[in-house]
Protein backbone atom coordinates (compact mmCIF):
# COMPACT_ATOMS: atom_id res chain seq x y z
CA MET A 1 -34.31 6.47 19.39
CA ASN A 2 -36.22 4.52 21.96
CA GLU A 3 -35.83 5.73 25.85
CA LYS A 4 -35.94 3.93 28.94
CA ASN A 5 -35.14 5.02 32.78
CA ASN A 6 -34.21 3.77 36.01
CA TYR A 7 -35.16 5.41 39.31
CA ILE A 8 -34.15 5.63 42.74
CA MET A 9 -36.91 6.64 44.72
CA LEU A 10 -36.38 7.92 48.52
CA GLY A 11 -39.96 8.01 50.12
CA VAL A 12 -41.71 8.63 46.58
CA ASP A 13 -43.12 7.07 43.74
CA ILE A 14 -41.17 6.57 40.76
CA MET A 15 -42.10 8.00 37.46
CA ARG A 16 -40.65 7.18 33.94
CA LYS A 17 -37.92 9.12 33.22
CA LYS A 18 -37.71 10.75 36.54
CA TYR A 19 -35.66 10.17 39.96
CA LYS A 20 -38.04 11.08 42.95
CA VAL A 21 -37.92 11.61 46.40
CA ASN A 22 -40.86 10.78 48.72
CA PRO A 23 -41.77 12.11 52.06
CA LYS A 24 -39.78 11.12 54.96
CA GLN A 25 -41.11 11.75 58.41
CA ILE A 26 -39.48 13.98 60.56
CA MET A 27 -40.60 14.15 64.36
CA ILE A 28 -39.57 16.85 66.98
CA GLY A 29 -42.00 16.78 69.74
CA GLY A 30 -45.35 17.48 67.86
CA ILE A 31 -43.40 18.73 64.80
CA VAL A 32 -43.68 16.29 62.02
CA LEU A 33 -41.43 16.53 58.44
CA SER A 34 -42.00 14.70 55.61
CA VAL A 35 -39.10 14.24 53.01
CA PHE A 36 -39.74 12.26 49.57
CA LEU A 37 -36.87 11.42 47.47
CA MET A 38 -36.53 9.73 44.22
CA LEU A 39 -33.45 9.37 41.92
CA GLY A 40 -33.70 8.06 38.57
CA ILE A 41 -31.36 6.64 35.61
CA GLY A 42 -32.57 7.50 32.17
CA TYR A 43 -30.71 6.05 29.16
CA ALA A 44 -31.41 4.80 25.53
CA LEU A 45 -32.44 1.39 24.70
CA LEU A 46 -29.69 0.23 22.28
CA SER A 47 -31.09 -2.91 21.55
CA GLN A 48 -33.06 -3.49 18.14
CA THR A 49 -33.86 -5.76 14.83
CA LEU A 50 -33.13 -4.41 11.75
CA GLN A 51 -34.11 -6.19 8.47
CA ILE A 52 -33.59 -5.76 5.03
CA ASN A 53 -33.98 -8.70 2.85
CA GLY A 54 -33.22 -10.66 5.82
CA THR A 55 -32.25 -9.89 9.27
CA ALA A 56 -29.32 -8.16 11.29
CA ASN A 57 -29.37 -8.07 15.16
CA ILE A 58 -27.73 -6.04 17.21
CA THR A 59 -26.51 -8.22 20.07
CA SER A 60 -25.14 -5.81 22.64
CA LYS A 61 -26.89 -5.50 25.95
CA TRP A 62 -27.59 -2.23 27.48
CA LYS A 63 -28.33 -2.46 31.29
CA ILE A 64 -27.53 -0.11 33.69
CA LEU A 65 -29.10 -0.47 37.16
CA PHE A 66 -29.24 -0.16 41.12
CA THR A 67 -27.83 -3.01 42.72
CA SER A 68 -27.81 -2.06 46.53
CA ALA A 69 -28.47 0.81 48.93
CA GLU A 70 -27.10 0.66 52.55
CA GLU A 71 -27.01 3.14 55.28
CA LYS A 72 -23.66 4.44 55.72
CA GLU A 73 -24.17 7.09 58.58
CA MET A 74 -27.58 8.07 60.36
CA ASN A 75 -27.40 10.76 62.60
CA ASN A 76 -30.92 11.50 64.34
CA ALA A 77 -32.32 9.62 61.55
CA THR A 78 -34.24 6.46 61.09
CA THR A 79 -34.74 4.26 57.85
CA GLN A 80 -38.25 3.36 57.51
CA LEU A 81 -38.28 1.84 54.10
CA LYS A 82 -35.55 1.04 52.01
CA GLU A 83 -36.12 -1.39 48.73
CA ILE A 84 -35.08 -1.57 45.16
CA THR A 85 -38.17 -2.73 42.45
CA ASP A 86 -37.51 -4.12 39.20
CA ASP A 87 -33.72 -3.37 39.41
CA THR A 88 -34.06 0.25 38.50
CA THR A 89 -35.96 1.88 41.22
CA LEU A 90 -34.72 2.49 44.66
CA THR A 91 -37.25 3.63 47.70
CA LEU A 92 -36.31 4.96 50.66
CA ASN A 93 -38.39 6.58 53.90
CA VAL A 94 -36.30 8.45 56.39
CA GLU A 95 -37.27 9.85 59.93
CA LEU A 96 -34.87 12.70 60.93
CA THR A 97 -35.67 13.70 64.33
CA GLN A 98 -34.29 17.15 64.98
CA PRO A 99 -32.23 19.96 63.28
CA GLY A 100 -28.69 19.05 62.36
CA ALA A 101 -30.14 15.39 61.16
CA THR A 102 -28.56 13.96 58.43
CA ALA A 103 -29.32 10.39 56.49
CA THR A 104 -26.19 9.10 54.18
CA TYR A 105 -26.69 6.15 51.79
CA ASP A 106 -24.23 4.18 49.81
CA VAL A 107 -25.90 3.41 46.44
CA VAL A 108 -24.38 1.06 43.67
CA VAL A 109 -25.07 1.67 40.31
CA ALA A 110 -23.90 -1.13 37.94
CA ASN A 111 -23.38 -1.52 34.27
CA GLN A 112 -24.37 -5.25 33.57
CA GLY A 113 -24.30 -4.78 29.91
CA ASP A 114 -21.78 -4.96 27.14
CA LEU A 115 -21.83 -1.32 26.42
CA ASP A 116 -19.52 1.26 28.03
CA ALA A 117 -21.45 4.24 29.47
CA VAL A 118 -20.93 7.70 30.52
CA LEU A 119 -23.05 9.81 33.04
CA SER A 120 -24.04 12.73 30.88
CA LYS A 121 -26.35 14.72 32.93
CA ILE A 122 -27.57 14.82 36.79
CA GLU A 123 -30.67 16.99 36.94
CA GLY A 124 -33.03 18.38 39.56
CA VAL A 125 -30.76 18.99 42.82
CA GLU A 126 -30.89 22.56 42.62
CA GLU A 127 -34.46 22.81 41.47
CA THR A 128 -35.65 20.69 44.60
CA ASN A 129 -33.34 22.05 47.14
CA SER A 130 -34.88 25.46 46.20
CA SER A 131 -38.51 24.17 47.08
CA ASP A 132 -40.19 24.65 50.52
CA PRO A 133 -39.10 23.70 53.27
CA LEU A 134 -35.68 25.11 52.46
CA PRO A 135 -34.01 23.73 55.56
CA ILE A 136 -34.11 20.02 54.18
CA LYS A 137 -31.63 19.25 51.55
CA VAL A 138 -30.56 16.32 49.51
CA HIS A 139 -26.91 15.77 48.09
CA LEU A 140 -24.79 13.73 46.12
CA GLU A 141 -21.50 12.92 46.76
CA ASN A 142 -18.73 10.96 44.18
CA ILE A 143 -20.55 10.99 41.53
CA ALA A 144 -20.34 13.77 38.59
CA GLU A 145 -21.34 14.30 35.27
CA GLY A 146 -18.70 12.63 33.05
CA ASP A 147 -17.97 9.74 35.25
CA PRO A 148 -17.41 6.67 33.11
CA LEU A 149 -19.20 3.41 34.27
CA LEU A 150 -17.45 0.64 31.91
CA LYS A 151 -19.07 -2.30 31.19
CA SER A 152 -18.85 -4.92 34.09
CA GLU A 153 -18.15 -2.02 36.39
CA GLU A 154 -19.93 -0.56 39.46
CA LYS A 155 -19.62 2.64 41.13
CA THR A 156 -20.90 3.71 44.72
CA PHE A 157 -22.20 7.00 45.27
CA GLN A 158 -23.72 8.86 48.44
CA VAL A 159 -27.35 10.17 48.61
CA ILE A 160 -27.27 12.54 51.49
CA VAL A 161 -30.23 13.97 53.32
CA GLU A 162 -29.86 16.73 55.90
CA TRP A 163 -31.91 19.05 57.75
CA ASP A 164 -30.16 22.43 58.37
CA ALA A 165 -28.98 22.36 62.35
CA SER A 166 -29.85 26.28 62.32
CA VAL A 167 -33.54 25.89 61.42
CA ASP A 168 -36.43 24.73 63.32
CA PHE A 169 -40.04 24.25 62.32
CA ASN A 170 -42.92 25.75 63.90
CA GLU A 171 -45.44 23.95 61.51
CA THR A 172 -46.80 20.40 61.27
CA ASN A 173 -47.24 17.89 58.57
CA MET A 174 -44.00 19.32 56.71
CA LYS A 175 -43.14 17.75 53.48
CA LYS A 176 -40.74 17.74 51.15
CA GLU A 177 -40.40 16.48 47.35
CA ILE A 178 -37.19 16.18 45.66
CA SER A 179 -36.62 14.82 42.11
CA ILE A 180 -33.34 13.90 40.60
CA THR A 181 -32.73 12.40 37.31
CA LEU A 182 -29.12 10.82 36.37
CA THR A 183 -28.77 10.27 32.19
CA TYR A 184 -26.45 7.74 31.25
CA GLU A 185 -25.48 7.48 27.59
CA GLN A 186 -23.09 5.11 25.59
CA SER A 187 -19.73 6.15 25.25
CA ASP A 188 -16.41 5.19 23.51
CA GLY A 189 -14.54 3.50 25.91
CA GLY A 190 -16.16 5.22 28.97
CA VAL A 191 -14.15 8.28 28.46
CA PRO A 192 -15.51 11.07 30.50
CA VAL A 193 -17.11 13.84 28.49
CA VAL A 194 -14.67 16.37 28.22
CA PRO A 195 -15.02 19.57 29.98
CA THR A 196 -17.57 21.48 27.95
CA PRO A 197 -19.87 24.29 29.03
CA GLY A 198 -23.46 23.43 29.92
CA ASP A 199 -26.50 24.85 28.74
CA ASP A 200 -26.58 27.65 31.10
CA THR A 201 -24.50 30.86 31.80
CA VAL A 202 -24.16 32.89 35.01
CA ASN A 203 -23.73 36.63 35.10
CA MET A 204 -20.27 37.24 36.43
CA GLY A 205 -20.16 41.02 36.96
CA GLY A 206 -21.97 42.01 33.59
CA GLN A 207 -20.01 38.90 31.68
CA ASP A 208 -21.78 35.81 30.69
CA VAL A 209 -19.97 32.89 32.04
CA GLU A 210 -20.59 29.60 31.18
CA LEU A 211 -21.01 26.71 33.76
CA VAL A 212 -19.08 23.40 32.99
CA SER A 213 -19.98 19.91 34.47
CA SER A 214 -16.08 18.80 34.66
CA GLY A 215 -13.02 20.09 34.64
CA ASP A 216 -11.61 23.70 35.47
CA GLY A 217 -14.35 26.18 35.52
CA LEU A 218 -17.61 27.72 37.09
CA TYR A 219 -19.92 25.30 38.63
CA GLU A 220 -23.15 25.16 40.74
CA ASP A 221 -22.64 24.88 44.30
CA SER A 222 -24.78 21.50 44.97
CA TYR A 223 -24.93 22.05 48.58
CA GLU A 224 -26.42 25.56 48.10
CA SER A 225 -28.76 26.87 45.63
CA GLY A 226 -28.53 29.80 43.74
CA ARG A 227 -24.46 30.02 44.65
CA TYR A 228 -21.82 29.46 41.83
CA ILE A 229 -18.25 28.56 42.72
CA TYR A 230 -14.97 27.90 40.77
CA ARG A 231 -13.46 24.64 40.88
CA GLY A 232 -10.51 22.91 39.74
CA GLN A 233 -6.38 23.27 39.30
CA ASN A 234 -6.36 26.87 37.35
CA PRO A 235 -10.02 27.88 36.68
CA ASN A 236 -10.35 31.45 35.00
CA ASN A 237 -11.21 33.28 38.23
CA TYR A 238 -8.91 35.93 38.40
CA VAL A 239 -9.73 39.52 39.41
CA GLU A 240 -7.71 42.50 39.59
CA PHE A 241 -8.77 44.34 43.07
CA ASN A 242 -6.81 46.94 45.02
CA ASN A 243 -3.92 46.66 42.24
CA GLU A 244 -3.48 43.02 43.02
CA LEU A 245 -4.34 39.72 41.88
CA TRP A 246 -7.30 37.83 43.57
CA ARG A 247 -9.39 35.14 43.02
CA ILE A 248 -13.12 34.50 42.82
CA ILE A 249 -14.41 31.93 45.30
CA ALA A 250 -18.15 32.19 44.62
CA LYS A 251 -20.65 34.29 43.41
CA GLU A 252 -23.05 34.16 46.22
CA THR A 253 -26.96 33.74 46.72
CA ASP A 254 -27.35 37.53 47.31
CA GLY A 255 -25.10 38.31 44.46
CA THR A 256 -21.87 39.54 46.35
CA TYR A 257 -18.61 38.38 45.23
CA LYS A 258 -16.50 36.29 47.82
CA ILE A 259 -12.70 36.91 46.50
CA ILE A 260 -9.31 35.49 47.95
CA ARG A 261 -6.24 37.28 47.55
CA ASP A 262 -4.23 35.13 45.21
CA GLU A 263 -0.75 35.67 47.23
CA LEU A 264 -0.58 35.37 50.90
CA LEU A 265 0.42 38.34 52.83
CA PRO A 266 4.20 38.67 53.47
CA GLY A 267 5.05 37.07 57.27
CA THR A 268 3.33 34.70 59.60
CA MET A 269 1.10 36.00 62.11
CA ALA A 270 -0.49 34.31 64.95
CA PHE A 271 -4.49 33.58 64.77
CA ASP A 272 -4.87 34.75 68.06
CA SER A 273 -1.88 36.02 69.97
CA VAL A 274 -1.43 34.94 73.64
CA GLY A 275 -3.30 37.08 76.08
CA TYR A 276 -4.50 39.13 73.27
CA ARG A 277 -8.09 38.99 74.48
CA SER A 278 -9.17 39.60 78.03
CA TYR A 279 -10.51 35.73 78.47
CA GLU A 280 -12.19 36.66 82.01
CA ASN A 281 -14.96 38.06 79.76
CA ASN A 282 -15.00 34.92 77.80
CA THR A 283 -16.12 31.09 78.91
CA TYR A 284 -15.07 29.20 75.64
CA CYS A 285 -11.85 29.30 75.85
CA THR A 286 -10.24 28.37 79.40
CA GLY A 287 -7.34 26.82 80.76
CA LEU A 288 -4.42 26.57 78.19
CA GLN A 289 -5.49 30.09 76.57
CA ASN A 290 -2.61 32.07 77.65
CA TYR A 291 -0.27 29.69 75.94
CA PHE A 292 -2.29 28.61 72.97
CA GLY A 293 -4.70 31.68 72.36
CA CYS A 294 -8.40 31.06 70.94
CA GLY A 295 -9.78 28.90 67.85
CA VAL A 296 -12.74 31.72 67.50
CA TYR A 297 -12.10 34.33 64.80
CA GLY A 298 -14.43 36.90 66.10
CA LYS A 299 -17.37 37.33 68.72
CA VAL A 300 -20.42 35.83 68.67
CA SER A 301 -23.79 36.27 69.63
CA GLY A 302 -25.20 33.93 72.25
CA THR A 303 -23.31 30.34 73.06
CA TYR A 304 -20.38 28.94 71.06
CA GLN A 305 -20.03 25.15 71.13
CA SER A 306 -18.56 22.50 69.08
CA PRO A 307 -20.81 20.63 66.92
CA ASP A 308 -20.54 17.34 69.30
CA GLY A 309 -21.42 19.55 72.36
CA GLN A 310 -18.12 19.07 74.18
CA PHE A 311 -17.17 22.60 74.26
CA SER A 312 -19.54 25.63 74.82
CA GLY A 313 -19.46 29.04 76.12
CA THR A 314 -19.37 32.63 75.09
CA VAL A 315 -16.82 34.62 73.15
CA THR A 316 -17.21 38.56 73.45
CA GLU A 317 -14.04 39.83 71.80
CA ASP A 318 -12.56 39.28 68.24
CA SER A 319 -9.34 37.28 67.53
CA SER A 320 -5.81 39.25 66.89
CA ILE A 321 -5.97 38.20 63.59
CA ALA A 322 -9.47 39.72 62.90
CA ASP A 323 -8.61 43.22 64.40
CA TYR A 324 -5.57 43.07 62.16
CA LEU A 325 -7.39 42.53 59.05
CA ASN A 326 -10.11 44.75 59.75
CA GLY A 327 -7.94 47.49 61.29
CA GLU A 328 -4.28 47.99 59.90
CA TYR A 329 -4.84 45.67 56.72
CA TYR A 330 -8.22 47.28 55.80
CA ASN A 331 -7.32 50.78 56.36
CA GLY A 332 -4.01 50.12 54.44
CA LEU A 333 -5.89 49.41 51.28
CA THR A 334 -6.77 52.00 48.47
CA GLU A 335 -9.61 54.14 48.68
CA ILE A 336 -11.52 52.76 45.75
CA ALA A 337 -10.82 49.29 46.68
CA ARG A 338 -12.40 49.88 50.19
CA ALA A 339 -15.54 51.23 48.18
CA GLN A 340 -16.12 47.98 46.62
CA ILE A 341 -16.06 46.20 49.43
CA GLN A 342 -19.26 44.70 51.02
CA GLN A 343 -19.69 43.93 54.30
CA HIS A 344 -20.77 40.66 54.99
CA ASN A 345 -21.56 37.90 57.39
CA PHE A 346 -18.73 34.90 57.59
CA TYR A 347 -19.17 31.67 58.71
CA ILE A 348 -16.93 31.21 61.77
CA GLY A 349 -18.21 28.12 63.53
CA PRO A 350 -16.22 25.04 64.38
CA VAL A 351 -15.44 22.07 61.93
CA GLU A 352 -14.92 18.93 63.86
CA LEU A 353 -12.58 16.46 63.06
CA TYR A 354 -14.14 12.96 63.63
CA ASP A 355 -10.88 11.34 64.42
CA GLU A 356 -12.43 8.41 66.18
CA THR A 357 -15.79 7.09 64.65
CA ARG A 358 -14.53 8.88 61.19
CA ASN A 359 -17.86 9.51 60.32
CA ASP A 360 -17.78 12.97 58.51
CA SER A 361 -19.17 14.43 55.34
CA LEU A 362 -18.87 17.79 53.71
CA SER A 363 -22.67 18.86 54.43
CA LYS A 364 -21.50 18.12 58.55
CA ASN A 365 -18.54 20.52 57.73
CA ILE A 366 -20.73 23.37 56.32
CA ALA A 367 -23.20 22.80 59.16
CA GLY A 368 -20.55 23.21 61.47
CA GLU A 369 -19.25 26.34 59.76
CA LYS A 370 -22.79 27.96 59.79
CA MET A 371 -23.45 27.45 63.49
CA ASN A 372 -21.75 30.88 64.25
CA THR A 373 -21.48 34.10 62.19
CA TRP A 374 -19.59 36.96 62.37
CA ILE A 375 -20.09 40.54 60.37
CA GLY A 376 -17.17 42.44 59.11
CA ASN A 377 -15.33 43.81 56.06
CA VAL A 378 -12.37 40.87 55.96
CA GLY A 379 -11.86 37.45 56.82
CA LEU A 380 -10.34 34.37 55.95
CA VAL A 381 -11.49 31.23 53.81
CA ASN A 382 -13.91 28.55 55.07
CA VAL A 383 -12.90 25.05 55.23
CA SER A 384 -15.64 24.12 53.06
CA ASP A 385 -14.43 26.77 50.30
CA VAL A 386 -11.09 24.54 50.29
CA LEU A 387 -13.02 21.44 49.72
CA LYS A 388 -15.67 22.40 47.24
CA ALA A 389 -12.78 23.65 45.09
CA SER A 390 -11.30 20.31 44.45
CA THR A 391 -12.61 18.25 41.41
CA ASN A 392 -11.15 15.39 43.07
CA GLN A 393 -14.13 13.07 43.82
CA ALA A 394 -12.58 11.34 46.86
CA CYS A 395 -12.60 15.06 48.58
CA THR A 396 -16.01 14.22 50.73
CA SER A 397 -14.83 15.82 54.10
CA VAL A 398 -12.52 17.46 56.12
CA THR A 399 -11.64 14.59 58.10
CA ASP A 400 -11.16 11.88 55.14
CA GLN A 401 -8.76 14.13 53.49
CA TYR A 402 -7.03 14.72 56.95
CA ASN A 403 -6.43 10.99 57.55
CA GLN A 404 -5.49 10.48 54.23
CA LEU A 405 -2.75 12.98 54.42
CA MET A 406 -1.58 11.79 57.68
CA ASP A 407 -1.34 8.07 57.03
CA SER A 408 0.13 8.11 53.25
CA GLY A 409 1.07 11.88 52.62
CA THR A 410 -1.14 11.86 49.72
CA SER A 411 -4.40 14.66 49.04
CA THR A 412 -7.57 13.67 48.01
CA CYS A 413 -8.36 17.48 47.74
CA ASN A 414 -5.79 18.06 44.93
CA SER A 415 -6.87 19.61 41.59
CA ASN A 416 -7.43 22.86 43.57
CA TYR A 417 -6.72 26.53 42.94
CA LEU A 418 -6.81 27.16 46.57
CA LEU A 419 -3.98 24.84 47.42
CA ASP A 420 -1.66 25.17 44.46
CA LEU A 421 0.90 27.51 45.75
CA PRO A 422 4.02 28.44 44.16
CA GLU A 423 5.80 27.56 47.16
CA GLN A 424 5.92 25.64 50.30
CA THR A 425 3.55 27.37 52.61
CA ILE A 426 0.56 27.44 55.14
CA TYR A 427 -2.22 29.69 55.47
CA TRP A 428 -5.10 29.81 58.08
CA THR A 429 -8.74 29.14 57.40
CA ILE A 430 -11.60 31.20 59.68
CA ASN A 431 -12.92 27.79 61.09
CA ASN A 432 -11.86 26.46 64.36
CA CYS A 433 -11.00 22.70 64.53
CA VAL A 434 -12.31 20.61 67.13
CA SER A 435 -11.16 16.97 67.87
CA GLU A 436 -13.05 13.98 68.95
CA ILE A 437 -10.07 12.03 70.41
CA THR A 438 -8.35 15.12 72.05
CA PRO A 439 -11.04 18.17 72.85
CA ASN A 440 -9.39 21.34 72.73
CA ASP A 441 -10.44 24.94 71.91
CA ASN A 442 -7.61 26.71 70.30
CA LEU A 443 -6.72 24.98 66.95
CA ILE A 444 -7.51 26.13 63.63
CA TRP A 445 -7.85 24.47 60.18
CA SER A 446 -5.16 25.75 57.58
CA GLY A 447 -4.51 25.24 54.18
CA LEU A 448 -0.80 23.31 53.78
CA TYR A 449 1.25 23.33 50.54
CA GLY A 450 4.49 21.64 50.56
CA MET A 451 6.70 19.08 52.59
CA GLY A 452 5.76 16.55 50.20
CA MET A 453 1.51 17.14 51.22
CA THR A 454 -1.19 19.31 50.08
CA GLY A 455 -4.39 19.69 52.33
CA LEU A 456 -5.88 20.86 55.29
CA VAL A 457 -4.13 20.47 58.53
CA ASN A 458 -4.81 22.10 62.03
CA SER A 459 -2.50 24.38 63.74
CA LEU A 460 -2.77 26.04 67.29
CA ALA A 461 -3.62 29.66 67.22
CA ASN A 462 -0.93 31.50 68.72
CA GLU A 463 1.80 29.66 66.38
CA ARG A 464 3.45 32.76 64.92
CA ARG A 465 5.70 30.98 62.94
CA GLN A 466 3.43 28.51 60.73
CA ALA A 467 0.68 30.14 59.18
CA SER A 468 0.11 33.43 57.19
CA PRO A 469 -3.01 35.32 56.50
CA ARG A 470 -4.63 35.12 53.22
CA PRO A 471 -7.66 37.82 53.42
CA VAL A 472 -10.86 37.03 51.90
CA LEU A 473 -13.84 39.60 51.55
CA PHE A 474 -17.02 40.16 49.45
CA LEU A 475 -17.36 42.65 46.60
CA GLU A 476 -20.70 44.59 46.07
CA SER A 477 -23.42 42.88 44.36
CA SER A 478 -23.53 45.69 41.80
CA THR A 479 -19.68 45.15 40.81
CA GLN A 480 -19.05 45.08 37.22
CA PHE A 481 -16.26 43.48 35.42
CA THR A 482 -15.48 45.69 32.46
CA SER A 483 -12.69 43.81 30.65
CA GLY A 484 -10.87 40.67 31.00
CA ASN A 485 -11.46 37.25 30.46
CA GLY A 486 -10.45 35.81 34.24
CA SER A 487 -7.16 34.22 33.25
CA LYS A 488 -4.18 35.37 35.02
CA SER A 489 -2.62 37.29 32.07
CA GLN A 490 -6.38 38.71 31.21
CA PRO A 491 -7.99 39.07 34.77
CA PHE A 492 -11.01 40.64 35.08
CA GLN A 493 -11.31 44.28 35.56
CA ILE A 494 -13.33 46.33 37.86
CA GLY A 495 -15.33 49.14 36.15
C-alpha cells in the first residue's frame, strides 16, 4: 500500500514520513541554545483506481492535515517562526531565554476526508528527549495513541517545549533536534484502539511486563525518558511489601521501584504540627506558622522558594510527618522490609496553584516539584504522580483539575488508581501548595476521594482531623519479583 506523511515541524526541515523539530535559539547572556522540533502525521493513501474489463473507482477521500497552531502559553519564550505549508507541515522556531522557560502551542489536526481515522502510534518522544542537551524536552498533551479522529472532526492538542528550571548551560551554540511521528490509520467508526500491549516490554523485578498505549497498564513516562509508570483505574501493579498490599507507581530511571501503600495509615495526622519546628531557625515559614504549621516536607539545602518567587527562605528542619514516617513508622516495619528499601531523593518542591492566570501545565507542576529535593527512607506521593496515573486526557495540570473540581464537583483526573479509594478520605501529598491570589506557605496538596468529588485539593498543614499519611518509598533496583502477576489477588512477591 502506498503511504503518505504529514509533518509538523518546529524549527526543523520536514522529511517525508517524519515529524522533526528544528533548532530554536535560546539566549541567556552569551549562551545560545537552538531547538528544532518537527511533528509529522503518517497515514495510508486510500484512493486508487481498479480495472477489470472496466473501471471501479474508490471515491472515498483520505485527508488528515494540520489546520492551525497558536501560542497558548509562553513563559520566557518568544516565537520566531510559525507557519503551515502544504497543509501537512508545521514549522516553529522558538527562543527560550532562561532555565524554566516553556513554550506551549495549541495545534489543531483535522480529518477533512470521508473516512474515520484513529491515531495508531506516536513515535520519537522518548528517543529525542534522551538526546543532548538533556535539559530541553518536548511533550505532547491531550493526544494519545488510540484517539479517534472521525470524518469532519478536528482535535486540539498541545506541543510543549521546556528548559529544565534546575539546569543551566555552560556552553554556547547549543542545539536540540527532536523528531516525532504521529501515524493515523483508517478505523471502523473511529473506535479507539483497544488496550493492547505495545511492541516492547519492561523488566519489572525480573518479569517482562508489556507496555500499553491505552487503558490500564504500564506506560512509558512521556515526561522523563527511561521511566515507566502505571496508569488507569486498576492496573496490575500490586506488590506485597511488609506483609501488606502496596502499589507500584513507577520504575525509576535508576532502576528503583517507587511504591505507595494501598491503604492509608489508620487515623489522621498533621502534616506539620503546630510549633513542631523551631521557627527561629527557618525563614520560609513565618508569621502564622504557630497556627498553621509549615508546608515543606523536609529540610533543604540552600533556599526554598515558590515558583513565582513570592516566597523565599530557609528550611532547616524536617516536618513532623517526615520525622514520624522516618522514625516511628520506619522502625515499625519488618526487618526484611527495611532491608528492601533504598534511601532515595524525594522531590519536595512547591506546586503552584495558578488561580488567577490559570496558565498551568503538568510540565510546570513537575518543574516546581524538582526545585527542591529531600533524601530519606519514607516520603509521600508527588502531585505529578497522581496526575500521571489518570488516563483521562483532560487531566493536564493540577490547576485545571482543581478549578474543575471547585466549579462543578467533577474530576478531570479520574480513571486513576491513586484516587479510587474504598471510602471517603483525604491523604497528604509531599508538595507544598502556593497560590497566585492568596500567597501562603502552609498549604499542602492532598488527594481527595468522597463527598461527591475526586481529585487534588489543598489543606492546611496543621489540620489533624482532615488528612492521613499514605507512605511512599523506593525498593532497591536489585529487587526481584519471584511470583505473582501484579493483580490484587496475585500481587508481585518480592524474592
